[in-house]
Amino acid sequence: MLDNLQGPCIFVANHQSHLDTLVVHQVLPESIKSKLYFGAAQDRWFVKGKKKIQLKPWYQSLVLGNFPILRGGGTRALSYANWLLNRGQHVFLFPEGTRATNEALGEFKHGATILARNNGLQIVPIYLSGLRAIRPKGSRSVLRGEVGVEFLQPLQALDFENVAAATAELHNRMNEAHTRHSVKEVSLNQAA
């Protein structure tokens, strides 16, 4: 599926853990990950002098391939992503906007579909499983466990009437994967 991608595209995934980007980066082919940049909350990862942050903002960008997303929406929230896409780079976003704190798939923000529609690009949805169990939100330790990565059919946002319809379809596809994986995880837990 990834072999057929033409030009830059937007990757999205459900957000379970701070380990999500590391797992995604590990499974992607070099031709994609060498041009892939991850959106990260500006107020969390790009704040100078914030005591919690061990990695400086420049390190986030240059070494980890992160770019700032301004929370709250608006044109400025997507400015770095647009800049990267216009230079032929891939962009990776978490449309839930934050890490999961329960079993449900969160509501999706419209940023990915706005970018896709404005730039005529595809969205490649990726469903991640198992990461919340090994490093949940608020935890500083990592437990052993299995993780899964499922690449879903790319979505062409321009095929939908508007941004809201494209976002709803993206959420539906991800929620179908979420349901499949949740049933599988329950079955595995009951077998153990």
N, C-alpha and C. Protein backbone atom coordinates (compact mmCIF):
# COMPACT_ATOMS: atom_id res chain seq x y z
N MET A 1 0.82 -1.19 0.00
CA MET A 1 0.00 0.00 0.00
C MET A 1 0.87 1.26 0.00
N LEU A 2 1.92 1.28 0.82
CA LEU A 2 2.77 2.47 0.91
C LEU A 2 3.60 2.68 -0.35
N ASP A 3 3.82 1.61 -1.11
CA ASP A 3 4.61 1.71 -2.34
C ASP A 3 3.91 2.56 -3.39
N ASN A 4 2.59 2.65 -3.32
CA ASN A 4 1.82 3.38 -4.32
C ASN A 4 1.61 4.86 -4.00
N LEU A 5 2.15 5.34 -2.90
CA LEU A 5 1.96 6.73 -2.53
C LEU A 5 2.73 7.64 -3.47
N GLN A 6 2.05 8.67 -3.95
CA GLN A 6 2.66 9.64 -4.84
C GLN A 6 2.81 10.97 -4.11
N GLY A 7 4.00 11.52 -4.13
CA GLY A 7 4.23 12.83 -3.53
C GLY A 7 4.04 12.82 -2.02
N PRO A 8 4.00 14.00 -1.43
CA PRO A 8 3.82 14.06 0.02
C PRO A 8 2.41 13.63 0.41
N CYS A 9 2.27 13.14 1.63
CA CYS A 9 0.94 12.81 2.14
C CYS A 9 0.92 13.07 3.64
N ILE A 10 -0.26 12.90 4.20
CA ILE A 10 -0.48 13.14 5.61
C ILE A 10 -0.77 11.81 6.27
N PHE A 11 0.02 11.46 7.25
CA PHE A 11 -0.20 10.24 8.03
C PHE A 11 -0.91 10.65 9.31
N VAL A 12 -1.85 9.83 9.75
CA VAL A 12 -2.52 10.07 11.02
C VAL A 12 -2.60 8.75 11.79
N ALA A 13 -2.69 8.85 13.10
CA ALA A 13 -2.87 7.66 13.94
C ALA A 13 -3.60 8.06 15.21
N ASN A 14 -4.20 7.05 15.83
CA ASN A 14 -4.75 7.25 17.16
C ASN A 14 -3.57 7.45 18.11
N HIS A 15 -3.80 8.21 19.19
CA HIS A 15 -2.70 8.59 20.08
C HIS A 15 -2.86 7.90 21.42
N GLN A 16 -1.99 6.91 21.70
CA GLN A 16 -2.08 6.14 22.92
C GLN A 16 -0.99 6.44 23.92
N SER A 17 0.19 6.84 23.44
CA SER A 17 1.35 6.90 24.32
C SER A 17 2.43 7.79 23.71
N HIS A 18 3.39 8.19 24.53
CA HIS A 18 4.55 8.91 24.01
C HIS A 18 5.41 8.00 23.14
N LEU A 19 5.14 6.70 23.14
CA LEU A 19 5.90 5.77 22.33
C LEU A 19 5.36 5.64 20.90
N ASP A 20 4.22 6.22 20.63
CA ASP A 20 3.57 6.08 19.32
C ASP A 20 4.50 6.45 18.17
N THR A 21 5.13 7.61 18.25
CA THR A 21 5.97 8.06 17.14
C THR A 21 7.17 7.13 16.93
N LEU A 22 7.72 6.60 18.01
CA LEU A 22 8.86 5.68 17.88
C LEU A 22 8.45 4.40 17.16
N VAL A 23 7.27 3.87 17.50
CA VAL A 23 6.79 2.65 16.86
C VAL A 23 6.49 2.89 15.39
N VAL A 24 5.80 3.97 15.08
CA VAL A 24 5.48 4.29 13.69
C VAL A 24 6.76 4.47 12.89
N HIS A 25 7.70 5.19 13.44
CA HIS A 25 8.97 5.43 12.74
C HIS A 25 9.68 4.12 12.46
N GLN A 26 9.59 3.17 13.35
CA GLN A 26 10.26 1.87 13.19
C GLN A 26 9.69 1.05 12.04
N VAL A 27 8.37 1.14 11.79
CA VAL A 27 7.74 0.27 10.79
C VAL A 27 7.68 0.87 9.38
N LEU A 28 7.94 2.15 9.25
CA LEU A 28 7.85 2.78 7.93
C LEU A 28 9.11 2.53 7.11
N PRO A 29 8.96 2.44 5.78
CA PRO A 29 10.16 2.30 4.94
C PRO A 29 11.00 3.57 4.96
N GLU A 30 12.27 3.42 4.72
CA GLU A 30 13.20 4.55 4.77
C GLU A 30 12.80 5.67 3.82
N SER A 31 12.24 5.33 2.67
CA SER A 31 11.84 6.36 1.69
C SER A 31 10.78 7.31 2.25
N ILE A 32 9.99 6.84 3.21
CA ILE A 32 8.98 7.69 3.83
C ILE A 32 9.53 8.36 5.08
N LYS A 33 10.15 7.58 5.96
CA LYS A 33 10.57 8.17 7.24
C LYS A 33 11.68 9.20 7.09
N SER A 34 12.42 9.16 5.99
CA SER A 34 13.46 10.17 5.79
C SER A 34 12.86 11.54 5.46
N LYS A 35 11.54 11.57 5.13
CA LYS A 35 10.86 12.82 4.78
C LYS A 35 9.65 13.05 5.68
N LEU A 36 9.62 12.43 6.85
CA LEU A 36 8.45 12.47 7.72
C LEU A 36 8.69 13.34 8.95
N TYR A 37 7.72 14.21 9.23
CA TYR A 37 7.80 15.09 10.39
C TYR A 37 6.53 14.96 11.21
N PHE A 38 6.69 14.90 12.53
CA PHE A 38 5.59 14.67 13.46
C PHE A 38 5.13 15.97 14.11
N GLY A 39 3.83 16.21 14.09
CA GLY A 39 3.27 17.36 14.78
C GLY A 39 3.30 17.12 16.28
N ALA A 40 3.74 18.12 17.03
CA ALA A 40 3.82 18.02 18.49
C ALA A 40 3.28 19.32 19.09
N ALA A 41 2.58 19.20 20.20
CA ALA A 41 1.96 20.37 20.84
C ALA A 41 3.02 21.42 21.18
N GLN A 42 2.85 22.60 20.62
CA GLN A 42 3.81 23.69 20.84
C GLN A 42 3.92 24.05 22.32
N ASP A 43 2.80 24.07 23.01
CA ASP A 43 2.82 24.47 24.42
C ASP A 43 3.42 23.41 25.33
N ARG A 44 3.66 22.21 24.83
CA ARG A 44 4.26 21.16 25.64
C ARG A 44 5.71 20.89 25.26
N TRP A 45 6.00 20.86 23.97
CA TRP A 45 7.31 20.41 23.51
C TRP A 45 8.22 21.51 22.99
N PHE A 46 7.69 22.70 22.76
CA PHE A 46 8.50 23.77 22.17
C PHE A 46 8.52 25.02 23.05
N VAL A 47 8.56 24.83 24.35
CA VAL A 47 8.56 25.95 25.28
C VAL A 47 9.95 26.06 25.90
N LYS A 48 10.59 27.17 25.68
CA LYS A 48 11.92 27.38 26.25
C LYS A 48 11.82 27.56 27.76
N GLY A 49 12.73 26.92 28.46
CA GLY A 49 12.83 27.11 29.90
C GLY A 49 11.82 26.34 30.73
N LYS A 50 11.00 25.51 30.12
CA LYS A 50 10.02 24.72 30.87
C LYS A 50 10.77 23.60 31.59
N LYS A 51 10.66 23.53 32.88
CA LYS A 51 11.47 22.61 33.68
C LYS A 51 11.25 21.14 33.32
N LYS A 52 10.02 20.77 32.97
CA LYS A 52 9.73 19.37 32.65
C LYS A 52 10.43 18.89 31.39
N ILE A 53 10.73 19.80 30.49
CA ILE A 53 11.26 19.40 29.19
C ILE A 53 12.78 19.27 29.26
N GLN A 54 13.24 18.04 29.09
CA GLN A 54 14.67 17.78 29.07
C GLN A 54 15.27 18.08 27.70
N LEU A 55 14.47 17.87 26.65
CA LEU A 55 14.94 18.08 25.30
C LEU A 55 14.56 19.49 24.84
N LYS A 56 15.50 20.25 24.42
CA LYS A 56 15.28 21.62 24.00
C LYS A 56 14.47 21.66 22.69
N PRO A 57 13.76 22.77 22.44
CA PRO A 57 12.95 22.86 21.21
C PRO A 57 13.73 22.60 19.92
N TRP A 58 14.95 23.09 19.81
CA TRP A 58 15.73 22.85 18.60
C TRP A 58 16.01 21.37 18.42
N TYR A 59 16.21 20.65 19.54
CA TYR A 59 16.46 19.21 19.48
C TYR A 59 15.22 18.49 18.98
N GLN A 60 14.04 18.93 19.43
CA GLN A 60 12.78 18.35 18.98
C GLN A 60 12.70 18.37 17.45
N SER A 61 13.06 19.49 16.87
CA SER A 61 12.94 19.65 15.42
C SER A 61 14.04 18.93 14.65
N LEU A 62 15.27 19.19 15.01
CA LEU A 62 16.39 18.67 14.23
C LEU A 62 16.61 17.18 14.39
N VAL A 63 16.52 16.67 15.58
CA VAL A 63 16.85 15.27 15.83
C VAL A 63 15.63 14.37 15.77
N LEU A 64 14.53 14.78 16.37
CA LEU A 64 13.35 13.93 16.43
C LEU A 64 12.38 14.15 15.28
N GLY A 65 12.58 15.20 14.50
CA GLY A 65 11.69 15.46 13.37
C GLY A 65 10.31 15.94 13.79
N ASN A 66 10.23 16.65 14.90
CA ASN A 66 8.96 17.20 15.36
C ASN A 66 8.81 18.65 14.88
N PHE A 67 7.57 19.06 14.67
CA PHE A 67 7.29 20.46 14.37
C PHE A 67 6.13 20.90 15.26
N PRO A 68 6.07 22.19 15.60
CA PRO A 68 5.06 22.65 16.55
C PRO A 68 3.66 22.78 15.93
N ILE A 69 2.69 22.32 16.70
CA ILE A 69 1.27 22.52 16.38
C ILE A 69 0.72 23.45 17.46
N LEU A 70 0.19 24.56 17.05
CA LEU A 70 -0.41 25.50 17.98
C LEU A 70 -1.82 25.03 18.30
N ARG A 71 -2.07 24.70 19.56
CA ARG A 71 -3.40 24.23 19.94
C ARG A 71 -4.43 25.33 19.79
N GLY A 72 -5.67 24.92 19.54
CA GLY A 72 -6.76 25.88 19.44
C GLY A 72 -7.24 26.11 18.03
N GLY A 73 -6.56 25.55 17.04
CA GLY A 73 -7.02 25.68 15.66
C GLY A 73 -6.60 26.98 15.01
N GLY A 74 -7.23 27.27 13.91
CA GLY A 74 -6.91 28.47 13.16
C GLY A 74 -5.78 28.24 12.18
N THR A 75 -5.54 29.21 11.33
CA THR A 75 -4.55 29.12 10.27
C THR A 75 -3.14 28.89 10.82
N ARG A 76 -2.81 29.57 11.91
CA ARG A 76 -1.46 29.44 12.48
C ARG A 76 -1.17 28.04 12.99
N ALA A 77 -2.21 27.30 13.40
CA ALA A 77 -2.02 25.95 13.92
C ALA A 77 -1.40 25.03 12.87
N LEU A 78 -1.70 25.27 11.61
CA LEU A 78 -1.24 24.40 10.54
C LEU A 78 -0.12 24.99 9.69
N SER A 79 0.41 26.13 10.08
CA SER A 79 1.39 26.83 9.23
C SER A 79 2.66 26.02 9.01
N TYR A 80 3.21 25.40 10.04
CA TYR A 80 4.42 24.60 9.86
C TYR A 80 4.14 23.37 9.00
N ALA A 81 2.99 22.74 9.22
CA ALA A 81 2.62 21.57 8.43
C ALA A 81 2.50 21.94 6.95
N ASN A 82 1.85 23.06 6.65
CA ASN A 82 1.75 23.52 5.26
C ASN A 82 3.12 23.79 4.67
N TRP A 83 3.97 24.42 5.43
CA TRP A 83 5.33 24.73 4.97
C TRP A 83 6.06 23.44 4.60
N LEU A 84 5.96 22.41 5.44
CA LEU A 84 6.62 21.12 5.17
C LEU A 84 6.03 20.45 3.93
N LEU A 85 4.71 20.41 3.84
CA LEU A 85 4.05 19.77 2.69
C LEU A 85 4.42 20.47 1.38
N ASN A 86 4.50 21.78 1.42
CA ASN A 86 4.88 22.54 0.22
C ASN A 86 6.31 22.27 -0.22
N ARG A 87 7.11 21.70 0.65
CA ARG A 87 8.48 21.35 0.32
C ARG A 87 8.64 19.85 0.07
N GLY A 88 7.52 19.14 -0.14
CA GLY A 88 7.56 17.72 -0.50
C GLY A 88 7.76 16.76 0.65
N GLN A 89 7.58 17.23 1.88
CA GLN A 89 7.76 16.38 3.04
C GLN A 89 6.41 15.78 3.47
N HIS A 90 6.46 14.64 4.16
CA HIS A 90 5.27 14.03 4.73
C HIS A 90 5.04 14.61 6.12
N VAL A 91 3.77 14.66 6.52
CA VAL A 91 3.40 15.18 7.83
C VAL A 91 2.61 14.10 8.57
N PHE A 92 2.89 13.98 9.85
CA PHE A 92 2.20 13.00 10.70
C PHE A 92 1.48 13.74 11.82
N LEU A 93 0.18 13.48 11.96
CA LEU A 93 -0.63 14.13 12.99
C LEU A 93 -1.44 13.11 13.79
N PHE A 94 -1.75 13.48 15.00
CA PHE A 94 -2.67 12.71 15.84
C PHE A 94 -3.97 13.50 15.92
N PRO A 95 -4.99 13.12 15.14
CA PRO A 95 -6.21 13.93 15.08
C PRO A 95 -7.00 14.01 16.38
N GLU A 96 -6.72 13.13 17.34
CA GLU A 96 -7.39 13.25 18.64
C GLU A 96 -6.83 14.43 19.42
N GLY A 97 -5.61 14.82 19.11
CA GLY A 97 -5.00 15.98 19.74
C GLY A 97 -4.32 15.71 21.06
N THR A 98 -4.58 14.59 21.66
CA THR A 98 -3.96 14.24 22.94
C THR A 98 -3.99 12.72 23.08
N ARG A 99 -3.22 12.23 24.05
CA ARG A 99 -3.17 10.79 24.28
C ARG A 99 -4.45 10.29 24.95
N ALA A 100 -4.82 9.06 24.62
CA ALA A 100 -6.02 8.44 25.18
C ALA A 100 -5.87 8.20 26.67
N THR A 101 -6.95 8.41 27.39
CA THR A 101 -6.97 8.10 28.83
C THR A 101 -7.98 7.00 29.15
N ASN A 102 -8.70 6.55 28.13
CA ASN A 102 -9.64 5.43 28.33
C ASN A 102 -9.67 4.58 27.07
N GLU A 103 -10.58 3.63 27.02
CA GLU A 103 -10.64 2.67 25.92
C GLU A 103 -11.24 3.24 24.63
N ALA A 104 -11.93 4.37 24.70
CA ALA A 104 -12.62 4.91 23.52
C ALA A 104 -11.67 5.66 22.60
N LEU A 105 -11.99 5.64 21.32
CA LEU A 105 -11.28 6.47 20.35
C LEU A 105 -11.84 7.88 20.49
N GLY A 106 -10.98 8.86 20.68
CA GLY A 106 -11.44 10.23 20.90
C GLY A 106 -12.00 10.89 19.66
N GLU A 107 -12.62 12.03 19.86
CA GLU A 107 -13.13 12.85 18.76
C GLU A 107 -11.95 13.38 17.96
N PHE A 108 -12.11 13.47 16.64
CA PHE A 108 -11.03 13.95 15.78
C PHE A 108 -11.17 15.44 15.51
N LYS A 109 -10.04 16.12 15.54
CA LYS A 109 -9.97 17.51 15.11
C LYS A 109 -9.87 17.50 13.58
N HIS A 110 -10.11 18.64 12.94
CA HIS A 110 -10.18 18.72 11.48
C HIS A 110 -8.84 19.03 10.79
N GLY A 111 -7.76 19.22 11.53
CA GLY A 111 -6.49 19.66 10.93
C GLY A 111 -6.01 18.81 9.77
N ALA A 112 -6.03 17.49 9.92
CA ALA A 112 -5.52 16.61 8.86
C ALA A 112 -6.35 16.73 7.59
N THR A 113 -7.67 16.79 7.74
CA THR A 113 -8.50 16.88 6.54
C THR A 113 -8.43 18.27 5.91
N ILE A 114 -8.25 19.30 6.71
CA ILE A 114 -8.06 20.65 6.15
C ILE A 114 -6.78 20.67 5.31
N LEU A 115 -5.69 20.16 5.88
CA LEU A 115 -4.43 20.11 5.14
C LEU A 115 -4.56 19.29 3.86
N ALA A 116 -5.22 18.15 3.96
CA ALA A 116 -5.36 17.27 2.79
C ALA A 116 -6.18 17.94 1.70
N ARG A 117 -7.29 18.56 2.08
CA ARG A 117 -8.14 19.22 1.08
C ARG A 117 -7.44 20.44 0.46
N ASN A 118 -6.80 21.23 1.28
CA ASN A 118 -6.14 22.44 0.78
C ASN A 118 -4.96 22.13 -0.14
N ASN A 119 -4.33 20.98 0.08
CA ASN A 119 -3.14 20.64 -0.70
C ASN A 119 -3.39 19.51 -1.70
N GLY A 120 -4.62 18.99 -1.76
CA GLY A 120 -4.94 17.90 -2.68
C GLY A 120 -4.18 16.62 -2.40
N LEU A 121 -4.00 16.31 -1.12
CA LEU A 121 -3.19 15.15 -0.73
C LEU A 121 -4.02 14.05 -0.09
N GLN A 122 -3.44 12.86 -0.05
CA GLN A 122 -4.06 11.72 0.61
C GLN A 122 -3.75 11.72 2.10
N ILE A 123 -4.63 11.09 2.86
CA ILE A 123 -4.39 10.83 4.27
C ILE A 123 -4.22 9.33 4.43
N VAL A 124 -3.14 8.92 5.08
CA VAL A 124 -2.90 7.50 5.35
C VAL A 124 -3.17 7.26 6.84
N PRO A 125 -4.31 6.60 7.16
CA PRO A 125 -4.60 6.31 8.56
C PRO A 125 -3.84 5.07 9.04
N ILE A 126 -3.34 5.17 10.26
CA ILE A 126 -2.62 4.06 10.89
C ILE A 126 -3.27 3.82 12.25
N TYR A 127 -3.64 2.57 12.51
CA TYR A 127 -4.20 2.26 13.82
C TYR A 127 -3.13 1.59 14.67
N LEU A 128 -2.91 2.16 15.85
CA LEU A 128 -1.93 1.64 16.81
C LEU A 128 -2.66 0.95 17.95
N SER A 129 -2.15 -0.20 18.37
CA SER A 129 -2.76 -0.91 19.51
C SER A 129 -1.67 -1.36 20.48
N GLY A 130 -2.06 -1.48 21.74
CA GLY A 130 -1.17 -2.00 22.78
C GLY A 130 -0.26 -0.99 23.44
N LEU A 131 -0.10 0.18 22.87
CA LEU A 131 0.86 1.15 23.41
C LEU A 131 0.38 1.80 24.70
N ARG A 132 -0.92 1.99 24.83
CA ARG A 132 -1.45 2.58 26.06
C ARG A 132 -1.18 1.67 27.26
N ALA A 133 -1.20 0.36 27.03
CA ALA A 133 -0.97 -0.60 28.12
C ALA A 133 0.49 -0.61 28.58
N ILE A 134 1.42 -0.34 27.67
CA ILE A 134 2.82 -0.40 28.07
C ILE A 134 3.38 0.93 28.56
N ARG A 135 2.75 2.04 28.16
CA ARG A 135 3.15 3.35 28.71
C ARG A 135 1.96 4.30 28.62
N PRO A 136 1.05 4.18 29.60
CA PRO A 136 -0.13 5.05 29.59
C PRO A 136 0.21 6.50 29.91
N LYS A 137 -0.73 7.37 29.57
CA LYS A 137 -0.57 8.79 29.85
C LYS A 137 -0.32 8.99 31.34
N GLY A 138 0.69 9.78 31.68
CA GLY A 138 1.04 10.05 33.06
C GLY A 138 2.10 9.12 33.62
N SER A 139 2.39 8.03 32.95
CA SER A 139 3.37 7.06 33.44
C SER A 139 4.77 7.47 33.00
N ARG A 140 5.75 7.15 33.82
CA ARG A 140 7.15 7.41 33.46
C ARG A 140 7.89 6.10 33.17
N SER A 141 7.23 4.99 33.36
CA SER A 141 7.88 3.70 33.11
C SER A 141 7.25 3.01 31.90
N VAL A 142 8.00 2.07 31.34
CA VAL A 142 7.54 1.31 30.19
C VAL A 142 7.46 -0.15 30.60
N LEU A 143 6.31 -0.75 30.36
CA LEU A 143 6.10 -2.17 30.66
C LEU A 143 6.29 -3.00 29.39
N ARG A 144 6.51 -4.29 29.57
CA ARG A 144 6.57 -5.19 28.41
C ARG A 144 5.16 -5.42 27.88
N GLY A 145 5.07 -5.64 26.60
CA GLY A 145 3.78 -5.94 26.00
C GLY A 145 3.85 -5.92 24.50
N GLU A 146 2.78 -6.41 23.90
CA GLU A 146 2.69 -6.45 22.44
C GLU A 146 2.05 -5.18 21.92
N VAL A 147 2.55 -4.72 20.80
CA VAL A 147 1.96 -3.57 20.13
C VAL A 147 1.61 -3.98 18.70
N GLY A 148 0.65 -3.27 18.13
CA GLY A 148 0.25 -3.55 16.76
C GLY A 148 0.18 -2.27 15.95
N VAL A 149 0.45 -2.41 14.66
CA VAL A 149 0.37 -1.30 13.73
C VAL A 149 -0.39 -1.80 12.51
N GLU A 150 -1.51 -1.15 12.19
CA GLU A 150 -2.29 -1.53 11.02
C GLU A 150 -2.44 -0.30 10.11
N PHE A 151 -1.98 -0.46 8.87
CA PHE A 151 -2.13 0.59 7.87
C PHE A 151 -3.50 0.41 7.21
N LEU A 152 -4.30 1.46 7.23
CA LEU A 152 -5.64 1.42 6.63
C LEU A 152 -5.59 2.05 5.24
N GLN A 153 -6.66 1.83 4.47
CA GLN A 153 -6.74 2.39 3.12
C GLN A 153 -6.60 3.91 3.16
N PRO A 154 -5.77 4.47 2.29
CA PRO A 154 -5.66 5.93 2.22
C PRO A 154 -7.00 6.58 1.88
N LEU A 155 -7.18 7.77 2.38
CA LEU A 155 -8.40 8.53 2.18
C LEU A 155 -8.06 9.77 1.36
N GLN A 156 -8.84 10.02 0.33
CA GLN A 156 -8.69 11.23 -0.48
C GLN A 156 -9.74 12.23 0.03
N ALA A 157 -9.31 13.21 0.79
CA ALA A 157 -10.24 14.14 1.45
C ALA A 157 -11.09 14.93 0.45
N LEU A 158 -10.58 15.14 -0.74
CA LEU A 158 -11.35 15.89 -1.75
C LEU A 158 -12.54 15.10 -2.29
N ASP A 159 -12.59 13.79 -2.01
CA ASP A 159 -13.73 12.97 -2.44
C ASP A 159 -14.98 13.22 -1.60
N PHE A 160 -14.85 14.00 -0.54
CA PHE A 160 -15.97 14.24 0.36
C PHE A 160 -16.47 15.67 0.20
N GLU A 161 -17.73 15.87 0.55
CA GLU A 161 -18.41 17.16 0.35
C GLU A 161 -17.70 18.32 1.04
N ASN A 162 -17.19 18.06 2.26
CA ASN A 162 -16.56 19.13 3.03
C ASN A 162 -15.59 18.54 4.05
N VAL A 163 -14.96 19.41 4.79
CA VAL A 163 -13.98 18.99 5.81
C VAL A 163 -14.62 18.08 6.85
N ALA A 164 -15.80 18.46 7.34
CA ALA A 164 -16.47 17.67 8.38
C ALA A 164 -16.77 16.26 7.90
N ALA A 165 -17.21 16.11 6.66
CA ALA A 165 -17.53 14.78 6.12
C ALA A 165 -16.27 13.93 5.98
N ALA A 166 -15.17 14.54 5.55
CA ALA A 166 -13.91 13.82 5.42
C ALA A 166 -13.39 13.40 6.79
N THR A 167 -13.49 14.29 7.77
CA THR A 167 -13.05 13.96 9.13
C THR A 167 -13.90 12.84 9.70
N ALA A 168 -15.21 12.88 9.46
CA ALA A 168 -16.11 11.82 9.95
C ALA A 168 -15.75 10.47 9.33
N GLU A 169 -15.44 10.46 8.04
CA GLU A 169 -15.05 9.20 7.39
C GLU A 169 -13.72 8.69 7.94
N LEU A 170 -12.79 9.58 8.17
CA LEU A 170 -11.50 9.19 8.75
C LEU A 170 -11.73 8.57 10.13
N HIS A 171 -12.55 9.20 10.94
CA HIS A 171 -12.86 8.67 12.27
C HIS A 171 -13.56 7.32 12.16
N ASN A 172 -14.49 7.18 11.22
CA ASN A 172 -15.18 5.89 11.04
C ASN A 172 -14.21 4.77 10.71
N ARG A 173 -13.29 5.02 9.80
CA ARG A 173 -12.30 4.00 9.43
C ARG A 173 -11.43 3.61 10.62
N MET A 174 -11.00 4.63 11.36
CA MET A 174 -10.16 4.35 12.53
C MET A 174 -10.97 3.63 13.61
N ASN A 175 -12.23 3.99 13.76
CA ASN A 175 -13.07 3.36 14.78
C ASN A 175 -13.36 1.90 14.44
N GLU A 176 -13.50 1.58 13.15
CA GLU A 176 -13.66 0.17 12.75
C GLU A 176 -12.43 -0.64 13.15
N ALA A 177 -11.25 -0.09 12.91
CA ALA A 177 -10.01 -0.76 13.33
C ALA A 177 -9.95 -0.86 14.85
N HIS A 178 -10.35 0.20 15.52
CA HIS A 178 -10.36 0.21 16.98
C HIS A 178 -11.25 -0.91 17.52
N THR A 179 -12.42 -1.07 16.94
CA THR A 179 -13.35 -2.12 17.36
C THR A 179 -12.75 -3.50 17.11
N ARG A 180 -12.15 -3.71 15.94
CA ARG A 180 -11.51 -5.01 15.63
C ARG A 180 -10.42 -5.33 16.64
N HIS A 181 -9.56 -4.35 16.92
CA HIS A 181 -8.44 -4.59 17.83
C HIS A 181 -8.91 -4.74 19.28
N SER A 182 -9.94 -4.01 19.66
CA SER A 182 -10.45 -4.13 21.03
C SER A 182 -11.02 -5.51 21.27
N VAL A 183 -11.75 -6.05 20.30
CA VAL A 183 -12.31 -7.41 20.41
C VAL A 183 -11.18 -8.42 20.48
N LYS A 184 -10.15 -8.24 19.65
CA LYS A 184 -9.00 -9.15 19.63
C LYS A 184 -8.27 -9.12 20.98
N GLU A 185 -8.07 -7.92 21.55
CA GLU A 185 -7.38 -7.80 22.84
C GLU A 185 -8.18 -8.45 23.96
N VAL A 186 -9.50 -8.30 23.95
CA VAL A 186 -10.34 -8.94 24.96
C VAL A 186 -10.24 -10.45 24.83
N SER A 187 -10.27 -10.98 23.60
CA SER A 187 -10.15 -12.43 23.37
C SER A 187 -8.82 -12.96 23.87
N LEU A 188 -7.73 -12.24 23.60
CA LEU A 188 -6.40 -12.66 24.05
C LEU A 188 -6.32 -12.65 25.58
N ASN A 189 -6.89 -11.63 26.21
CA ASN A 189 -6.86 -11.53 27.67
C ASN A 189 -7.67 -12.65 28.31
N GLN A 190 -8.80 -13.01 27.70
CA GLN A 190 -9.63 -14.08 28.27
C GLN A 190 -8.95 -15.44 28.09
N ALA A 191 -8.18 -15.61 27.00
CA ALA A 191 -7.47 -16.87 26.76
C ALA A 191 -6.31 -17.06 27.74
N ALA A 192 -5.75 -15.95 28.21
CA ALA A 192 -4.61 -16.01 29.13
C ALA A 192 -5.09 -16.30 30.49
